[in-house]
Amino acid sequence: WVEERFQNAAMVCNKVTYHLSSAIQDLGRALGMPPELRNKLTDGLGRDYGGLRPHQAEEAQVVFDEVLKKAPVKNVLLGLLKKMEKGFVRHVAPHSGGWVLSGDSLSHYSPVERSKGGLPCLQYDKDDVETLGLMKLDLLGLRILSVFEQTCETVLARKNVRVDLRHIPHDPRVWKSIQDGDTMGVFQVESPGQVRLSVQLQPETPKDMKDQVALFRPGPIQSNTVHPYTARRLGREKIVYPHPSLQPILERSYGIILFQEQVMQIARHFAGFDWEAADKFRKLVSTFEDEHEIRDERRRFVEGAVRKTGATREEAVHVFNLCAAFRGYGFAESHAWAFGIHAYRSAWLRYHYPVEYFAGVLSEQPGMYGVSTFRQQLLAWGVGFNRLDINESTAHYRIEDDIKGECLRPSLCSVDGVSREAAQEIVIERLRGGKFVNLQDVVERTELPRDALEALARGGAFDSFLERREALYEIGVLVQSRQPKQKRLFKPVKTPAFPDLTTLKRTEWDYELKGLTEHAVHPVDLVRQELLGLGATPMIRLKQ
């Protein structure tokens, strides 16, 4: 949309620099090391050494000794790694959301190239374009917003209730569901770590949710602020401040540095930096890797704090170390507010309109769980699943009512290999010309490619016409003997009889193509006896 709307627009790039593992792969390839040996070496780095830079390779000497033994290539490789410059760029890639807009052609400022995905991309990163004085916008697209839109539209269509998410009420029942950790499908707080945090923190206001979202980020986690924040939030620990002058800045977060703005405010009001220097300080303490990178900034900070607030040198060093411990990505408070509000909105919709909400979640898949996990949750609530059908399914998961109650029907584009555009083409043609009468009718009235048709067949979309193997055979005959949107001149060859798919094979295809099966069977049910025969122990029998 940005590229179409603005003539001179491009994304900034990310400069992807070498870590030890990627340097080993590239240098090892150049030295003729076989892939198996390179992979064994990088796998051996593990969590202990995986984050090192190439020039720090000697710290992982034990891994090189274990894998390469006394091979001559070991010393050559270590020597080359040690000589690599720190921050050496391996390649550039588009930024996740940073766009630059300009009144002039962007090629006046930077080479412009097309990314693999077709996006215009500068060869400058976000810091470069800031130095050039260009305007950069961070545009973040969230699938949860599409879930909100689809849920509200479905609620209006089915229940004639207009939901205004800008004015949803404070509901203790919704907060209780969050406090109990019942947050599967809830924006930002559905991961196991966030579930534990919800149970610990017992959030009950938007501010609590805002803080919880911000806590679960690399900056606060690496600075070990999660436990003290929780203890102080629940009144189990006394709130203390590193220096009395910091109380106005840290009071809202119980004396803990939680947001990027607080780092800037400390640099401004405690150390006496101007706002430009405070912003540079925030960036530096968020990204430095070696202590010598912040040596000069530490001196400036300490001297400024002693001079401005009268703090002792020890107090100033302590405050600087707290800021420096905030290394890694931390939230801006405005960002945390937005995410916290969205988290409560999604929990509210999930509590009051669960089927409509999960229809949106299954359609957009904004979170971490797969569709089969959501299916199990919905089955536990008594919500069934109707099968995928070329004449009934749409481009979204659809809610239907039958004698058993509310059911969900998978969308056509839930099939791997079927795009949203292909699903929309099917629905539009169905509305224009009526339901399809057989598989030949589908092929003649649409322009779907063969791989999409075969994916629909394996996923069960044509089960109302014929068995899946027969559908695959007929698709091959029809596609090869005609062009889309053209009628056949001769009757098709009669489809031979194929053996029926076994339940196991049908379930396997369902999970491969759709991530779930609509039938009331779990894959483990089909192999349970074999597993028991092999000595497997059911989880319910495990003590821990």
Protein backbone atom coordinates (compact mmCIF):
# COMPACT_ATOMS: atom_id res chain seq x y z
CA TRP A 1 0.00 0.00 0.00
CA VAL A 2 2.81 2.43 0.88
CA GLU A 3 4.60 1.77 -2.40
CA GLU A 4 1.39 2.34 -4.38
CA ARG A 5 0.40 5.43 -2.40
CA PHE A 6 3.76 7.24 -2.38
CA GLN A 7 6.01 7.61 -5.38
CA ASN A 8 9.32 7.78 -3.52
CA ALA A 9 9.17 5.11 -0.83
CA ALA A 10 11.47 2.24 0.11
CA MET A 11 12.31 0.10 3.10
CA VAL A 12 15.51 0.56 5.05
CA CYS A 13 17.76 -2.46 5.22
CA ASN A 14 18.99 -4.57 8.08
CA LYS A 15 22.73 -5.15 7.99
CA VAL A 16 23.03 -8.79 8.97
CA THR A 17 26.44 -9.20 10.58
CA TYR A 18 28.43 -12.36 11.13
CA HIS A 19 28.05 -14.48 14.22
CA LEU A 20 30.48 -17.29 14.87
CA SER A 21 28.21 -19.98 13.45
CA SER A 22 27.56 -18.20 10.13
CA ALA A 23 31.27 -17.32 9.79
CA ILE A 24 32.23 -20.97 10.32
CA GLN A 25 29.81 -22.03 7.59
CA ASP A 26 31.02 -19.47 5.03
CA LEU A 27 34.74 -19.73 5.78
CA GLY A 28 34.53 -23.50 6.09
CA ARG A 29 32.89 -23.69 2.67
CA ALA A 30 35.69 -21.58 1.21
CA LEU A 31 38.29 -23.86 2.82
CA GLY A 32 36.65 -26.94 1.35
CA MET A 33 35.29 -28.37 4.60
CA PRO A 34 32.44 -30.83 3.92
CA PRO A 35 28.94 -29.75 5.00
CA GLU A 36 28.70 -32.52 7.61
CA LEU A 37 31.82 -31.27 9.37
CA ARG A 38 30.70 -27.64 9.26
CA ASN A 39 27.29 -28.55 10.65
CA LYS A 40 28.84 -30.63 13.42
CA LEU A 41 31.04 -27.70 14.37
CA THR A 42 28.22 -25.14 14.45
CA ASP A 43 25.88 -27.53 16.29
CA GLY A 44 28.60 -28.04 18.91
CA LEU A 45 28.60 -24.31 19.73
CA GLY A 46 25.21 -24.71 21.39
CA ARG A 47 23.86 -22.03 23.69
CA ASP A 48 27.20 -21.52 25.41
CA TYR A 49 29.08 -20.24 22.37
CA GLY A 50 26.37 -19.66 19.75
CA GLY A 51 26.17 -15.93 20.47
CA LEU A 52 29.89 -15.23 20.02
CA ARG A 53 31.25 -13.09 17.23
CA PRO A 54 33.93 -14.46 14.86
CA HIS A 55 36.82 -12.62 16.55
CA GLN A 56 35.86 -14.35 19.82
CA ALA A 57 36.30 -17.83 18.33
CA GLU A 58 39.13 -18.75 20.72
CA GLU A 59 36.58 -18.73 23.57
CA ALA A 60 35.04 -21.79 21.89
CA GLN A 61 38.41 -23.54 21.52
CA VAL A 62 37.08 -26.63 23.28
CA VAL A 63 34.48 -27.15 20.52
CA PHE A 64 37.08 -26.80 17.75
CA ASP A 65 39.36 -29.26 19.53
CA GLU A 66 36.57 -31.77 20.00
CA VAL A 67 35.32 -31.68 16.41
CA LEU A 68 38.46 -30.97 14.36
CA LYS A 69 40.97 -32.69 16.63
CA LYS A 70 44.46 -32.08 15.13
CA ALA A 71 43.31 -31.39 11.58
CA PRO A 72 45.44 -28.65 9.95
CA VAL A 73 42.30 -26.78 8.93
CA LYS A 74 41.56 -26.02 12.59
CA ASN A 75 44.36 -23.49 13.01
CA VAL A 76 43.70 -21.97 9.60
CA LEU A 77 40.01 -21.52 10.40
CA LEU A 78 40.67 -20.08 13.85
CA GLY A 79 43.22 -17.66 12.40
CA LEU A 80 40.78 -16.38 9.77
CA LEU A 81 37.98 -16.03 12.31
CA LYS A 82 40.19 -14.03 14.63
CA LYS A 83 41.07 -11.62 11.81
CA MET A 84 37.45 -10.87 10.90
CA GLU A 85 36.43 -7.32 11.73
CA LYS A 86 33.81 -6.86 14.39
CA GLY A 87 30.43 -6.05 12.88
CA PHE A 88 31.43 -7.33 9.45
CA VAL A 89 28.29 -7.37 7.29
CA ARG A 90 27.33 -10.67 5.71
CA HIS A 91 24.36 -9.42 3.72
CA VAL A 92 21.54 -6.90 3.82
CA ALA A 93 17.84 -7.69 4.15
CA PRO A 94 14.68 -5.58 4.30
CA HIS A 95 13.79 -4.15 7.72
CA SER A 96 10.71 -5.65 9.37
CA GLY A 97 8.72 -2.42 9.08
CA GLY A 98 10.91 0.64 8.49
CA TRP A 99 9.85 2.71 5.46
CA VAL A 100 11.49 5.90 4.17
CA LEU A 101 9.39 8.53 2.39
CA SER A 102 11.00 11.29 0.37
CA GLY A 103 9.96 14.20 -1.83
CA ASP A 104 12.87 13.44 -4.14
CA SER A 105 13.94 10.24 -5.78
CA LEU A 106 15.53 8.01 -3.14
CA SER A 107 18.27 7.05 -5.59
CA HIS A 108 19.69 10.54 -4.90
CA TYR A 109 20.58 9.33 -1.40
CA SER A 110 21.19 5.60 -1.69
CA PRO A 111 21.30 2.72 -4.13
CA VAL A 112 17.82 1.17 -4.31
CA GLU A 113 17.36 -2.53 -4.97
CA ARG A 114 14.50 -5.00 -4.98
CA SER A 115 14.36 -7.55 -2.19
CA LYS A 116 13.63 -11.22 -2.82
CA GLY A 117 9.99 -10.48 -2.03
CA GLY A 118 9.88 -7.61 -4.54
CA LEU A 119 10.02 -4.70 -2.07
CA PRO A 120 12.13 -1.60 -2.84
CA CYS A 121 14.98 -1.50 -0.35
CA LEU A 122 17.70 1.03 0.41
CA GLN A 123 21.25 -0.08 1.12
CA TYR A 124 21.23 2.10 4.26
CA ASP A 125 19.99 0.96 7.65
CA LYS A 126 17.85 2.91 10.10
CA ASP A 127 20.84 4.71 11.64
CA ASP A 128 22.21 5.71 8.24
CA VAL A 129 18.95 7.25 7.06
CA GLU A 130 18.64 9.13 10.36
CA THR A 131 22.09 10.61 9.78
CA LEU A 132 21.03 11.64 6.27
CA GLY A 133 17.99 13.40 7.71
CA LEU A 134 15.45 11.22 5.89
CA MET A 135 12.08 10.46 7.46
CA LYS A 136 11.59 6.84 8.54
CA LEU A 137 8.25 5.37 9.57
CA ASP A 138 7.90 2.08 11.43
CA LEU A 139 4.79 0.43 10.03
CA LEU A 140 3.79 -2.66 11.98
CA GLY A 141 1.12 -4.97 10.60
CA LEU A 142 -0.66 -7.16 13.14
CA ARG A 143 -2.82 -10.11 12.15
CA ILE A 144 -4.73 -9.71 15.39
CA LEU A 145 -6.31 -6.56 13.92
CA SER A 146 -7.76 -8.69 11.11
CA VAL A 147 -9.04 -11.10 13.77
CA PHE A 148 -10.76 -8.20 15.56
CA GLU A 149 -12.36 -7.00 12.34
CA GLN A 150 -13.56 -10.46 11.31
CA THR A 151 -14.87 -11.25 14.81
CA CYS A 152 -16.87 -8.02 15.07
CA GLU A 153 -18.34 -8.52 11.59
CA THR A 154 -19.35 -12.10 12.41
CA VAL A 155 -20.93 -11.08 15.74
CA LEU A 156 -22.94 -8.39 13.96
CA ALA A 157 -24.09 -10.79 11.23
CA ARG A 158 -24.99 -13.67 13.55
CA LYS A 159 -26.20 -11.95 16.72
CA ASN A 160 -27.05 -8.43 15.55
CA VAL A 161 -24.67 -6.96 18.15
CA ARG A 162 -22.35 -4.13 17.18
CA VAL A 163 -19.10 -4.40 19.17
CA ASP A 164 -17.16 -1.16 19.59
CA LEU A 165 -13.68 -2.20 20.69
CA ARG A 166 -12.82 1.39 21.58
CA HIS A 167 -15.30 1.31 24.45
CA ILE A 168 -15.39 -2.24 25.76
CA PRO A 169 -16.19 -2.33 29.50
CA HIS A 170 -13.97 -3.36 32.39
CA ASP A 171 -15.05 -6.96 33.05
CA PRO A 172 -13.73 -8.77 36.16
CA ARG A 173 -14.59 -12.11 34.55
CA VAL A 174 -12.24 -11.38 31.66
CA TRP A 175 -9.45 -10.40 34.04
CA LYS A 176 -10.10 -13.59 36.03
CA SER A 177 -9.59 -15.69 32.90
CA ILE A 178 -6.24 -13.96 32.32
CA GLN A 179 -5.24 -14.40 35.96
CA ASP A 180 -6.03 -18.11 35.71
CA GLY A 181 -3.76 -18.44 32.67
CA ASP A 182 -6.65 -19.27 30.35
CA THR A 183 -5.18 -17.28 27.49
CA MET A 184 -4.81 -19.60 24.50
CA GLY A 185 -5.32 -17.42 21.43
CA VAL A 186 -5.04 -14.15 23.38
CA PHE A 187 -2.73 -11.59 21.81
CA GLN A 188 0.76 -11.42 23.38
CA VAL A 189 -0.06 -13.45 26.52
CA GLU A 190 -0.65 -17.00 25.23
CA SER A 191 2.92 -18.36 25.41
CA PRO A 192 3.82 -20.64 28.36
CA GLY A 193 6.07 -17.93 29.79
CA GLN A 194 3.35 -15.31 29.60
CA VAL A 195 0.82 -17.73 31.09
CA ARG A 196 3.09 -18.18 34.12
CA LEU A 197 3.54 -14.43 34.34
CA SER A 198 -0.24 -13.89 34.20
CA VAL A 199 -0.74 -16.29 37.10
CA GLN A 200 2.06 -14.62 39.08
CA LEU A 201 1.17 -10.98 38.42
CA GLN A 202 -2.63 -11.33 38.57
CA PRO A 203 -3.23 -8.36 36.22
CA GLU A 204 -6.48 -6.49 36.79
CA THR A 205 -6.07 -3.18 34.92
CA PRO A 206 -4.84 -2.06 31.49
CA LYS A 207 -1.73 -0.67 33.19
CA ASP A 208 -0.94 -4.10 34.63
CA MET A 209 -1.33 -5.63 31.19
CA LYS A 210 0.87 -2.94 29.67
CA ASP A 211 3.62 -3.69 32.18
CA GLN A 212 3.29 -7.45 31.71
CA VAL A 213 3.70 -7.16 27.94
CA ALA A 214 6.80 -4.98 28.46
CA LEU A 215 8.29 -7.34 31.05
CA PHE A 216 8.44 -10.24 28.62
CA ARG A 217 11.12 -8.67 26.41
CA PRO A 218 14.88 -9.28 26.15
CA GLY A 219 15.79 -6.01 27.89
CA PRO A 220 13.88 -6.58 31.17
CA ILE A 221 14.59 -10.33 31.13
CA GLN A 222 18.36 -9.89 30.70
CA SER A 223 18.46 -7.21 33.40
CA ASN A 224 16.74 -9.61 35.85
CA THR A 225 13.89 -7.23 36.61
CA VAL A 226 10.99 -9.68 36.25
CA HIS A 227 11.23 -11.15 39.76
CA PRO A 228 11.69 -7.86 41.66
CA TYR A 229 8.86 -6.26 39.67
CA THR A 230 6.54 -9.16 40.49
CA ALA A 231 7.45 -9.12 44.18
CA ARG A 232 6.96 -5.36 44.45
CA ARG A 233 3.75 -5.40 42.41
CA LEU A 234 2.25 -7.96 44.81
CA GLY A 235 3.55 -6.20 47.92
CA ARG A 236 6.01 -8.94 48.87
CA GLU A 237 9.03 -6.68 48.57
CA LYS A 238 9.57 -3.07 49.53
CA ILE A 239 9.81 -0.56 46.70
CA VAL A 240 13.25 1.05 46.67
CA TYR A 241 14.81 3.52 44.26
CA PRO A 242 18.47 3.60 43.18
CA HIS A 243 18.50 7.30 44.06
CA PRO A 244 15.77 9.55 45.53
CA SER A 245 15.80 11.77 42.43
CA LEU A 246 14.69 8.80 40.31
CA GLN A 247 11.38 8.28 42.13
CA PRO A 248 9.31 10.42 39.69
CA ILE A 249 10.73 8.43 36.78
CA LEU A 250 10.50 4.89 38.21
CA GLU A 251 7.47 5.21 40.49
CA ARG A 252 5.03 3.92 37.86
CA SER A 253 7.08 0.71 37.48
CA TYR A 254 7.77 0.06 41.19
CA GLY A 255 11.37 1.31 41.05
CA ILE A 256 12.27 -0.93 38.07
CA ILE A 257 13.56 0.23 34.68
CA LEU A 258 10.97 -1.17 32.31
CA PHE A 259 10.69 1.12 29.28
CA GLN A 260 13.03 2.81 26.82
CA GLU A 261 11.67 6.23 27.82
CA GLN A 262 12.81 5.66 31.40
CA VAL A 263 16.41 5.09 30.24
CA MET A 264 16.25 8.38 28.36
CA GLN A 265 14.68 10.21 31.31
CA ILE A 266 17.38 8.94 33.65
CA ALA A 267 20.09 10.13 31.27
CA ARG A 268 18.35 13.52 30.98
CA HIS A 269 17.31 14.26 34.56
CA PHE A 270 19.87 12.25 36.51
CA ALA A 271 23.02 12.57 34.41
CA GLY A 272 22.28 15.94 32.82
CA PHE A 273 22.34 14.85 29.16
CA ASP A 274 20.36 16.82 26.61
CA TRP A 275 17.56 14.88 24.86
CA GLU A 276 19.62 14.12 21.75
CA ALA A 277 22.45 12.72 23.85
CA ALA A 278 19.93 10.83 26.00
CA ASP A 279 18.49 9.13 22.92
CA LYS A 280 21.99 8.14 21.75
CA PHE A 281 22.67 6.82 25.26
CA ARG A 282 19.50 4.69 25.07
CA LYS A 283 20.59 3.20 21.75
CA LEU A 284 24.11 2.49 22.99
CA VAL A 285 23.13 0.68 26.19
CA SER A 286 20.59 -1.36 24.22
CA THR A 287 23.02 -2.66 21.62
CA PHE A 288 26.59 -2.73 23.00
CA GLU A 289 28.41 -6.06 23.07
CA ASP A 290 31.76 -5.29 24.69
CA GLU A 291 32.37 -3.22 27.80
CA HIS A 292 34.94 -1.01 26.08
CA GLU A 293 32.16 0.30 23.80
CA ILE A 294 30.51 2.05 26.74
CA ARG A 295 33.61 3.05 28.70
CA ASP A 296 33.49 6.71 27.61
CA GLU A 297 29.72 6.89 28.05
CA ARG A 298 30.04 5.48 31.55
CA ARG A 299 32.49 8.21 32.49
CA ARG A 300 30.25 10.95 31.06
CA PHE A 301 27.20 9.54 32.82
CA VAL A 302 28.87 9.24 36.22
CA GLU A 303 30.44 12.68 36.08
CA GLY A 304 27.16 14.23 34.95
CA ALA A 305 25.16 12.52 37.71
CA VAL A 306 27.58 13.63 40.42
CA ARG A 307 27.46 17.17 39.11
CA LYS A 308 23.67 17.44 38.53
CA THR A 309 22.08 15.51 41.42
CA GLY A 310 24.86 15.37 43.98
CA ALA A 311 24.86 11.58 43.86
CA THR A 312 27.93 9.78 45.09
CA ARG A 313 30.16 8.14 42.53
CA GLU A 314 29.05 4.70 43.78
CA GLU A 315 25.36 5.62 43.35
CA ALA A 316 25.99 6.98 39.86
CA VAL A 317 27.86 3.83 38.81
CA HIS A 318 25.03 1.69 40.20
CA VAL A 319 22.41 3.59 38.20
CA PHE A 320 24.54 3.36 35.05
CA ASN A 321 24.88 -0.40 35.52
CA LEU A 322 21.10 -0.71 35.84
CA CYS A 323 20.71 1.10 32.52
CA ALA A 324 23.46 -0.96 30.91
CA ALA A 325 21.80 -4.15 32.14
CA PHE A 326 18.78 -3.16 30.03
CA ARG A 327 20.66 -4.59 27.06
CA GLY A 328 18.59 -6.04 24.25
CA TYR A 329 15.20 -5.07 22.94
CA GLY A 330 12.89 -3.23 25.33
CA PHE A 331 9.51 -1.68 24.68
CA ALA A 332 8.68 1.96 24.35
CA GLU A 333 5.89 2.66 26.81
CA SER A 334 3.51 3.83 24.09
CA HIS A 335 4.12 0.56 22.26
CA ALA A 336 3.45 -1.41 25.44
CA TRP A 337 0.19 0.48 26.01
CA ALA A 338 -1.01 -0.37 22.50
CA PHE A 339 -0.13 -4.05 22.88
CA GLY A 340 -1.61 -4.22 26.38
CA ILE A 341 -4.90 -2.74 25.18
CA HIS A 342 -5.00 -5.19 22.26
CA ALA A 343 -4.32 -8.04 24.67
CA TYR A 344 -7.33 -7.11 26.81
CA ARG A 345 -9.52 -6.61 23.74
CA SER A 346 -8.66 -10.07 22.45
CA ALA A 347 -9.30 -11.61 25.89
CA TRP A 348 -12.65 -9.80 26.05
CA LEU A 349 -13.73 -11.07 22.63
CA ARG A 350 -12.53 -14.57 23.47
CA TYR A 351 -14.58 -14.61 26.68
CA HIS A 352 -17.83 -13.13 25.32
CA TYR A 353 -17.80 -14.47 21.73
CA PRO A 354 -15.47 -17.48 21.79
CA VAL A 355 -16.64 -19.22 18.62
CA GLU A 356 -16.64 -16.03 16.54
CA TYR A 357 -13.24 -15.08 17.94
CA PHE A 358 -11.62 -18.44 17.24
CA ALA A 359 -13.08 -18.46 13.74
CA GLY A 360 -11.05 -15.31 13.19
CA VAL A 361 -7.98 -16.73 14.91
CA LEU A 362 -8.08 -19.89 12.79
CA SER A 363 -8.48 -17.80 9.63
CA GLU A 364 -5.63 -15.40 10.35
CA GLN A 365 -3.42 -17.52 12.66
CA PRO A 366 -1.80 -14.56 14.48
CA GLY A 367 -0.25 -16.45 17.38
CA MET A 368 2.04 -19.32 18.27
CA TYR A 369 -0.32 -22.30 18.37
CA GLY A 370 -1.30 -24.45 15.42
CA VAL A 371 -4.84 -25.06 14.22
CA SER A 372 -4.95 -28.58 15.67
CA THR A 373 -4.33 -27.18 19.16
CA PHE A 374 -7.20 -24.72 18.76
CA ARG A 375 -9.38 -27.55 17.44
CA GLN A 376 -8.80 -29.55 20.62
CA GLN A 377 -9.73 -26.52 22.72
CA LEU A 378 -12.91 -25.92 20.74
CA LEU A 379 -13.91 -29.58 20.91
CA ALA A 380 -13.57 -29.37 24.69
CA TRP A 381 -16.06 -26.47 24.58
CA GLY A 382 -18.48 -28.55 22.51
CA VAL A 383 -17.77 -26.81 19.19
CA GLY A 384 -17.64 -29.27 16.30
CA PHE A 385 -15.94 -29.11 12.90
CA ASN A 386 -17.68 -29.66 9.58
CA ARG A 387 -15.59 -30.96 6.73
CA LEU A 388 -13.92 -28.87 4.06
CA ASP A 389 -16.23 -28.63 1.05
CA ILE A 390 -15.82 -26.93 -2.33
CA ASN A 391 -19.48 -25.81 -2.25
CA GLU A 392 -19.71 -24.73 1.41
CA SER A 393 -16.29 -23.47 2.52
CA THR A 394 -15.35 -19.83 2.00
CA ALA A 395 -12.15 -17.78 2.23
CA HIS A 396 -12.48 -17.69 6.05
CA TYR A 397 -13.43 -20.19 8.73
CA ARG A 398 -17.21 -20.15 8.79
CA ILE A 399 -19.60 -20.72 11.70
CA GLU A 400 -22.57 -22.99 10.98
CA ASP A 401 -25.44 -24.25 13.11
CA ASP A 402 -26.55 -27.87 13.02
CA ILE A 403 -28.34 -30.29 15.32
CA LYS A 404 -25.23 -30.60 17.49
CA GLY A 405 -24.87 -26.86 17.96
CA GLU A 406 -22.30 -24.45 16.58
CA CYS A 407 -19.68 -25.85 14.23
CA LEU A 408 -16.75 -24.41 12.30
CA ARG A 409 -16.07 -25.18 8.67
CA PRO A 410 -12.45 -24.83 7.49
CA SER A 411 -11.70 -22.23 4.85
CA LEU A 412 -10.55 -23.10 1.37
CA CYS A 413 -7.28 -21.27 1.88
CA SER A 414 -6.60 -23.23 5.07
CA VAL A 415 -5.33 -25.88 2.63
CA ASP A 416 -1.59 -25.60 2.11
CA GLY A 417 -1.05 -24.59 -1.51
CA VAL A 418 -4.32 -22.69 -1.93
CA SER A 419 -3.92 -18.91 -1.81
CA ARG A 420 -6.44 -16.40 -0.51
CA GLU A 421 -6.91 -15.21 -4.10
CA ALA A 422 -7.68 -18.75 -5.29
CA ALA A 423 -10.22 -19.22 -2.50
CA GLN A 424 -11.89 -15.93 -3.39
CA GLU A 425 -12.04 -16.96 -7.05
CA ILE A 426 -13.89 -20.14 -6.09
CA VAL A 427 -16.39 -18.28 -3.89
CA ILE A 428 -17.06 -15.59 -6.53
CA GLU A 429 -17.61 -18.18 -9.24
CA ARG A 430 -19.97 -20.08 -6.90
CA LEU A 431 -22.00 -16.92 -6.33
CA ARG A 432 -22.02 -16.10 -10.03
CA GLY A 433 -22.85 -19.49 -11.52
CA GLY A 434 -24.23 -21.53 -8.64
CA LYS A 435 -22.76 -24.47 -6.80
CA PHE A 436 -20.43 -26.83 -8.61
CA VAL A 437 -22.04 -30.08 -9.70
CA ASN A 438 -18.88 -32.17 -10.08
CA LEU A 439 -15.11 -31.92 -10.33
CA GLN A 440 -15.21 -31.29 -14.07
CA ASP A 441 -17.45 -28.29 -13.40
CA VAL A 442 -14.86 -26.89 -10.98
CA VAL A 443 -12.03 -27.24 -13.50
CA GLU A 444 -14.02 -25.70 -16.34
CA ARG A 445 -15.36 -22.71 -14.40
CA THR A 446 -12.19 -21.68 -12.58
CA GLU A 447 -8.59 -21.00 -13.52
CA LEU A 448 -7.06 -22.81 -10.58
CA PRO A 449 -3.63 -24.31 -11.29
CA ARG A 450 -3.18 -28.04 -11.07
CA ASP A 451 -1.25 -27.94 -7.78
CA ALA A 452 -4.06 -26.01 -6.08
CA LEU A 453 -6.69 -28.44 -7.39
CA GLU A 454 -4.65 -31.42 -6.20
CA ALA A 455 -4.17 -29.83 -2.79
CA LEU A 456 -7.95 -29.34 -2.49
CA ALA A 457 -8.49 -32.95 -3.53
CA ARG A 458 -6.04 -34.33 -0.98
CA GLY A 459 -7.54 -32.04 1.66
CA GLY A 460 -11.03 -33.46 1.06
CA ALA A 461 -12.71 -30.50 -0.67
CA PHE A 462 -14.16 -32.80 -3.36
CA ASP A 463 -15.28 -35.63 -1.05
CA SER A 464 -18.93 -34.86 -1.87
CA PHE A 465 -18.19 -35.70 -5.52
CA LEU A 466 -15.83 -38.66 -5.37
CA GLU A 467 -13.10 -40.33 -3.33
CA ARG A 468 -9.79 -38.49 -2.97
CA ARG A 469 -7.63 -40.80 -5.07
CA GLU A 470 -10.23 -40.76 -7.85
CA ALA A 471 -10.32 -36.97 -7.65
CA LEU A 472 -6.54 -36.78 -8.08
CA TYR A 473 -6.73 -39.04 -11.14
CA GLU A 474 -9.57 -37.04 -12.69
CA ILE A 475 -7.77 -33.74 -12.11
CA GLY A 476 -4.78 -35.06 -14.04
CA VAL A 477 -6.98 -36.07 -16.98
CA LEU A 478 -9.01 -32.85 -17.03
CA VAL A 479 -6.11 -30.42 -16.67
CA GLN A 480 -3.99 -32.06 -19.36
CA SER A 481 -6.80 -32.26 -21.92
CA ARG A 482 -8.16 -28.70 -21.79
CA GLN A 483 -7.48 -25.07 -20.95
CA PRO A 484 -9.28 -23.33 -18.06
CA LYS A 485 -12.60 -21.60 -18.86
CA GLN A 486 -13.11 -23.90 -21.89
CA LYS A 487 -15.68 -26.67 -22.29
CA ARG A 488 -14.54 -30.17 -23.17
CA LEU A 489 -15.35 -31.50 -26.63
CA PHE A 490 -15.46 -35.14 -25.56
CA LYS A 491 -16.61 -37.00 -22.50
CA PRO A 492 -13.81 -37.73 -20.03
CA VAL A 493 -12.33 -41.17 -19.74
CA LYS A 494 -14.07 -43.21 -17.07
CA THR A 495 -12.19 -43.00 -13.76
CA PRO A 496 -10.90 -46.42 -12.69
CA ALA A 497 -11.73 -47.75 -9.24
CA PHE A 498 -9.09 -47.08 -6.61
CA PRO A 499 -8.83 -48.69 -3.19
CA ASP A 500 -10.31 -46.48 -0.48
CA LEU A 501 -7.95 -44.44 1.64
CA THR A 502 -7.33 -45.87 5.05
CA THR A 503 -8.32 -43.76 8.03
CA LEU A 504 -4.64 -43.35 8.88
CA LYS A 505 -3.76 -42.12 5.37
CA ARG A 506 -6.75 -39.75 5.26
CA THR A 507 -5.77 -38.31 8.64
CA GLU A 508 -2.17 -37.99 7.48
CA TRP A 509 -3.26 -36.02 4.41
CA ASP A 510 -5.57 -33.84 6.54
CA TYR A 511 -2.76 -32.84 8.87
CA GLU A 512 -0.30 -32.38 6.04
CA LEU A 513 -2.62 -30.09 4.05
CA LYS A 514 -4.80 -28.42 6.72
CA GLY A 515 -3.02 -28.89 10.03
CA LEU A 516 -6.07 -30.68 11.47
CA THR A 517 -8.67 -33.30 10.68
CA GLU A 518 -12.38 -32.57 10.90
CA HIS A 519 -13.13 -36.12 11.99
CA ALA A 520 -13.38 -36.92 15.69
CA VAL A 521 -10.05 -38.71 15.79
CA HIS A 522 -6.65 -37.81 17.12
CA PRO A 523 -3.62 -39.13 15.22
CA VAL A 524 -2.37 -40.91 18.33
CA ASP A 525 -5.65 -42.87 18.48
CA LEU A 526 -4.67 -44.58 15.22
CA VAL A 527 -1.30 -45.81 16.49
CA ARG A 528 -2.00 -46.14 20.21
CA GLN A 529 -1.86 -49.95 20.29
CA GLU A 530 1.37 -50.01 18.30
CA LEU A 531 2.93 -47.50 20.70
CA LEU A 532 1.82 -49.50 23.72
CA GLY A 533 3.24 -52.61 22.10
CA LEU A 534 6.60 -50.83 21.78
CA GLY A 535 6.58 -50.06 25.50
CA ALA A 536 5.54 -46.38 25.31
CA THR A 537 4.03 -44.94 28.49
CA PRO A 538 0.90 -42.74 28.25
CA MET A 539 1.49 -39.26 29.67
CA ILE A 540 -1.39 -39.66 32.13
CA ARG A 541 0.60 -42.38 33.90
CA LEU A 542 3.72 -40.28 34.33
CA LYS A 543 4.35 -39.06 37.87
CA GLN A 544 6.00 -35.83 36.76
